[in-house]
Protein backbone atom coordinates (compact mmCIF):
# COMPACT_ATOMS: atom_id res chain seq x y z
CA MET A 1 82.75 102.61 85.33
CA SER A 2 81.88 104.74 88.48
CA GLY A 3 81.83 104.35 92.13
CA GLY A 4 85.38 102.79 92.75
CA VAL A 5 87.98 103.75 95.10
CA ALA A 6 90.63 103.86 92.26
CA ARG A 7 90.02 103.75 88.70
CA LEU A 8 91.96 103.71 85.54
CA ASP A 9 90.04 104.89 82.19
CA SER A 10 92.35 103.34 79.20
CA ALA A 11 95.58 104.63 80.85
CA THR A 12 98.88 104.94 79.07
CA LEU A 13 102.03 105.63 80.74
CA VAL A 14 105.37 106.03 78.36
CA TYR A 15 108.60 106.27 79.36
CA GLY A 16 111.45 108.18 77.57
CA ALA A 17 111.45 109.31 73.68
CA GLY A 18 112.37 108.61 70.49
CA GLU A 19 114.07 105.38 70.21
CA ARG A 20 114.30 105.21 73.95
CA ARG A 21 110.72 105.25 74.03
CA VAL A 22 109.12 102.59 76.34
CA THR A 23 105.11 101.92 76.83
CA ALA A 24 105.32 100.37 80.22
CA VAL A 25 101.42 100.24 80.61
CA SER A 26 99.20 100.47 77.30
CA GLY A 27 95.36 101.68 77.62
CA ALA A 28 94.39 100.00 81.12
CA THR A 29 91.06 100.19 82.09
CA VAL A 30 90.54 98.44 85.53
CA GLU A 31 88.36 99.66 88.82
CA VAL A 32 89.14 98.68 92.28
CA ALA A 33 85.95 99.06 94.70
CA GLY A 34 86.04 99.24 98.41
CA GLY A 35 86.14 95.76 100.40
CA LYS A 36 87.33 93.94 96.95
CA VAL A 37 90.39 92.23 96.43
CA VAL A 38 91.96 92.58 92.78
CA GLY A 39 94.81 90.65 91.45
CA ILE A 40 97.29 91.44 88.54
CA VAL A 41 99.10 88.54 87.30
CA GLY A 42 102.06 88.70 85.14
CA PRO A 43 105.85 88.16 84.39
CA SER A 44 108.48 90.70 85.75
CA GLY A 45 108.94 93.70 83.58
CA SER A 46 105.24 92.94 82.60
CA GLY A 47 104.07 96.56 83.69
CA LYS A 48 102.75 95.43 87.00
CA THR A 49 104.39 98.02 89.14
CA THR A 50 103.67 100.76 86.95
CA LEU A 51 99.96 100.14 86.84
CA MET A 52 100.25 100.04 90.65
CA SER A 53 101.98 103.01 90.75
CA MET A 54 99.41 104.89 88.91
CA LEU A 55 96.33 103.70 90.59
CA GLY A 56 98.52 104.69 93.76
CA THR A 57 98.80 108.02 92.11
CA LEU A 58 102.98 107.67 92.17
CA LEU A 59 102.78 108.24 88.76
CA LEU A 60 100.14 110.34 86.25
CA PRO A 61 98.95 108.24 82.86
CA THR A 62 100.90 109.77 79.64
CA SER A 63 97.12 109.29 78.15
CA GLY A 64 93.86 108.39 79.28
CA ALA A 65 92.73 109.16 83.19
CA ALA A 66 93.05 108.27 86.75
CA TYR A 67 90.72 108.56 89.06
CA PHE A 68 90.30 108.33 93.17
CA ASP A 69 87.36 108.84 94.77
CA GLY A 70 85.89 109.70 91.45
CA ARG A 71 88.31 112.87 91.25
CA ASP A 72 90.57 113.19 88.02
CA VAL A 73 94.10 112.74 89.66
CA SER A 74 95.51 114.89 87.14
CA THR A 75 93.90 118.02 88.55
CA LEU A 76 95.68 117.55 91.86
CA SER A 77 99.08 119.54 92.91
CA VAL A 78 102.14 117.09 93.85
CA ALA A 79 101.02 118.30 97.19
CA GLN A 80 97.63 117.14 97.26
CA ARG A 81 98.43 113.71 95.78
CA ARG A 82 101.14 113.43 98.57
CA ALA A 83 98.74 114.14 101.26
CA LEU A 84 95.89 111.86 99.44
CA ARG A 85 98.48 108.87 99.44
CA LEU A 86 99.37 109.35 102.93
CA GLY A 87 95.76 109.38 104.11
CA ARG A 88 94.13 107.54 101.63
CA VAL A 89 96.62 104.96 100.19
CA GLY A 90 98.50 101.83 101.99
CA PHE A 91 101.78 100.57 100.04
CA VAL A 92 103.52 97.06 100.31
CA PHE A 93 106.58 97.25 98.29
CA GLN A 94 108.42 94.12 96.70
CA GLN A 95 111.75 96.13 98.07
CA LEU A 96 110.30 96.45 101.56
CA ARG A 97 111.69 99.97 102.20
CA LEU A 98 111.62 99.71 105.91
CA MET A 99 113.83 101.61 107.70
CA GLN A 100 117.05 100.19 109.35
CA LYS A 101 117.74 102.29 112.12
CA LEU A 102 113.93 102.14 113.30
CA SER A 103 112.19 99.63 115.51
CA ALA A 104 109.38 97.82 114.01
CA LEU A 105 106.67 99.83 116.25
CA GLU A 106 108.54 103.23 114.75
CA ASN A 107 108.51 101.45 111.15
CA VAL A 108 104.56 101.04 111.63
CA ARG A 109 103.88 104.64 113.31
CA LEU A 110 106.24 106.17 110.41
CA PRO A 111 102.71 107.04 107.99
CA LEU A 112 101.54 108.62 111.15
CA VAL A 113 104.34 111.22 111.67
CA LEU A 114 104.41 112.17 107.93
CA ALA A 115 101.12 112.75 107.88
CA GLY A 116 101.36 114.70 111.03
CA ARG A 117 98.78 112.56 112.55
CA GLU A 118 100.87 110.98 115.41
CA ASP A 119 98.10 111.65 118.14
CA GLY A 120 97.38 109.07 120.96
CA GLU A 121 94.62 107.15 119.57
CA ARG A 122 96.64 106.39 116.35
CA LEU A 123 99.48 105.74 118.02
CA ARG A 124 97.11 103.13 120.15
CA ARG A 125 96.56 101.82 116.38
CA ALA A 126 100.02 101.51 115.99
CA SER A 127 100.48 99.27 118.43
CA GLU A 128 97.71 97.42 117.94
CA LEU A 129 98.61 96.14 114.41
CA VAL A 130 101.84 95.37 115.48
CA LYS A 131 100.28 92.82 117.62
CA ALA A 132 97.49 91.89 115.21
CA VAL A 133 100.65 91.16 112.92
CA GLY A 134 101.96 88.55 115.13
CA LEU A 135 104.73 90.45 116.24
CA GLU A 136 104.16 91.15 119.56
CA GLY A 137 107.23 91.52 121.77
CA LYS A 138 109.28 92.40 119.03
CA GLU A 139 108.26 95.94 118.64
CA GLY A 140 111.39 97.39 119.77
CA ARG A 141 113.41 95.17 117.60
CA ARG A 142 114.75 96.87 114.06
CA PRO A 143 114.54 95.22 110.72
CA GLY A 144 117.96 93.67 110.58
CA GLU A 145 116.63 91.75 113.65
CA LEU A 146 113.86 90.32 112.15
CA SER A 147 113.29 87.35 109.74
CA VAL A 148 112.07 88.30 106.48
CA GLY A 149 108.72 87.26 106.81
CA GLU A 150 108.86 89.02 110.14
CA GLN A 151 109.88 91.82 108.06
CA GLN A 152 106.96 91.91 105.38
CA ARG A 153 104.43 91.83 108.55
CA VAL A 154 105.45 94.85 109.77
CA ALA A 155 105.53 96.39 105.90
CA VAL A 156 101.53 95.04 106.09
CA ALA A 157 100.94 96.81 109.32
CA ARG A 158 102.63 100.08 108.46
CA ALA A 159 100.71 99.87 105.01
CA LEU A 160 97.52 99.85 107.15
CA VAL A 161 98.21 102.27 110.16
CA ASN A 162 96.23 105.13 108.62
CA SER A 163 93.18 102.81 107.93
CA PRO A 164 93.45 103.59 104.10
CA ALA A 165 90.99 103.11 101.34
CA LEU A 166 93.13 101.36 99.07
CA VAL A 167 96.14 99.01 99.69
CA LEU A 168 98.63 98.26 96.99
CA ALA A 169 100.86 95.11 97.42
CA ASP A 170 103.45 94.50 94.83
CA GLU A 171 104.82 91.24 95.13
CA PRO A 172 104.46 90.92 98.48
CA THR A 173 105.31 87.18 98.36
CA SER A 174 108.30 87.39 96.48
CA GLN A 175 111.11 86.42 99.10
CA LEU A 176 109.19 84.35 101.38
CA ASP A 177 108.69 80.63 101.04
CA SER A 178 105.34 78.99 100.31
CA ALA A 179 103.98 78.91 103.67
CA SER A 180 105.32 82.26 104.92
CA GLY A 181 103.58 83.79 101.59
CA GLN A 182 99.86 82.22 102.37
CA SER A 183 100.54 83.57 105.83
CA VAL A 184 101.16 86.76 105.02
CA LEU A 185 98.37 87.35 101.98
CA GLU A 186 95.87 85.87 104.59
CA LEU A 187 96.58 88.07 107.30
CA LEU A 188 96.78 90.95 104.78
CA GLU A 189 93.68 90.29 103.31
CA GLY A 190 91.98 89.91 106.90
CA LEU A 191 93.20 93.05 108.11
CA CYS A 192 92.04 94.93 105.09
CA ALA A 193 88.46 93.14 105.32
CA GLU A 194 88.05 94.69 108.56
CA ILE A 195 88.25 97.85 107.51
CA GLY A 196 86.65 97.89 104.24
CA ALA A 197 89.63 98.16 102.22
CA ALA A 198 90.16 97.65 98.40
CA VAL A 199 92.97 95.76 97.78
CA VAL A 200 95.25 95.10 94.55
CA ILE A 201 97.52 92.54 95.11
CA SER A 202 100.45 92.07 91.88
CA THR A 203 102.27 88.62 91.74
CA HIS A 204 104.00 86.86 88.88
CA ASP A 205 103.10 83.45 90.52
CA GLN A 206 100.29 81.99 88.83
CA LYS A 207 99.32 79.62 91.55
CA MET A 208 98.44 82.61 93.59
CA ARG A 209 95.56 83.65 91.18
CA GLU A 210 93.55 80.79 92.73
CA ARG A 211 93.19 82.61 95.90
CA LEU A 212 92.65 86.11 94.56
CA GLY A 213 89.09 87.48 93.68
CA GLU A 214 88.58 89.57 90.50
CA VAL A 215 92.01 88.89 88.34
CA TYR A 216 93.42 90.39 85.46
CA GLU A 217 96.44 89.45 83.56
CA MET A 218 99.61 91.43 82.29
CA ARG A 219 101.52 90.99 79.81
CA ASP A 220 103.75 93.36 77.60
CA GLY A 221 101.98 96.55 79.06
CA VAL A 222 98.51 95.42 78.22
CA LEU A 223 96.03 94.64 80.82
CA SER A 224 93.13 92.18 79.85
CA GLN A 225 90.89 90.29 82.64
CA GLY A 226 91.74 86.79 83.62
């Protein structure tokens, strides 16, 4: 397998040792190419979040390998991996992790600030994304002043502000009703298609698999083609 934005090759991740040893992901092999939407479907606790964290370089496999843009992630320093995430990876977390003291626009701009790339063009990009996710006129509102669905849209805009190569959405609709969840998924997929990003969406909702492209199943830490 080669040519993908992110790739895991027989990747295993183990937590703890001895009697407390837990294999969160066992021998996972998956490749995500630019412009593709990949679904990871499985129940809560099956290892989906750990798998996504390895794809996004937040975690390194205990054995096997993880690659980003063809480069073995284990050869990168902590600082290099952080820089890679800020510039090349967008995250939509299950727990949205919005900064409650910041406005919607400030939350979207945050990755630009952290990456030291808050120039005029990128600031315009942040404003454009806030409008693109349907929050024009609400740029100055803080997360607590927005609905859950609106907060999810802020999280989507924040994930895309750096025009990443890879977007990882971990259970992005778990807190939403079916209609709002469908809307957020369509928004995420549409905006990612515009920039040619690879997208990985994890979910425990089997109904969602119908709208996902390439689907994998996750059960007890084992990944298989769906």
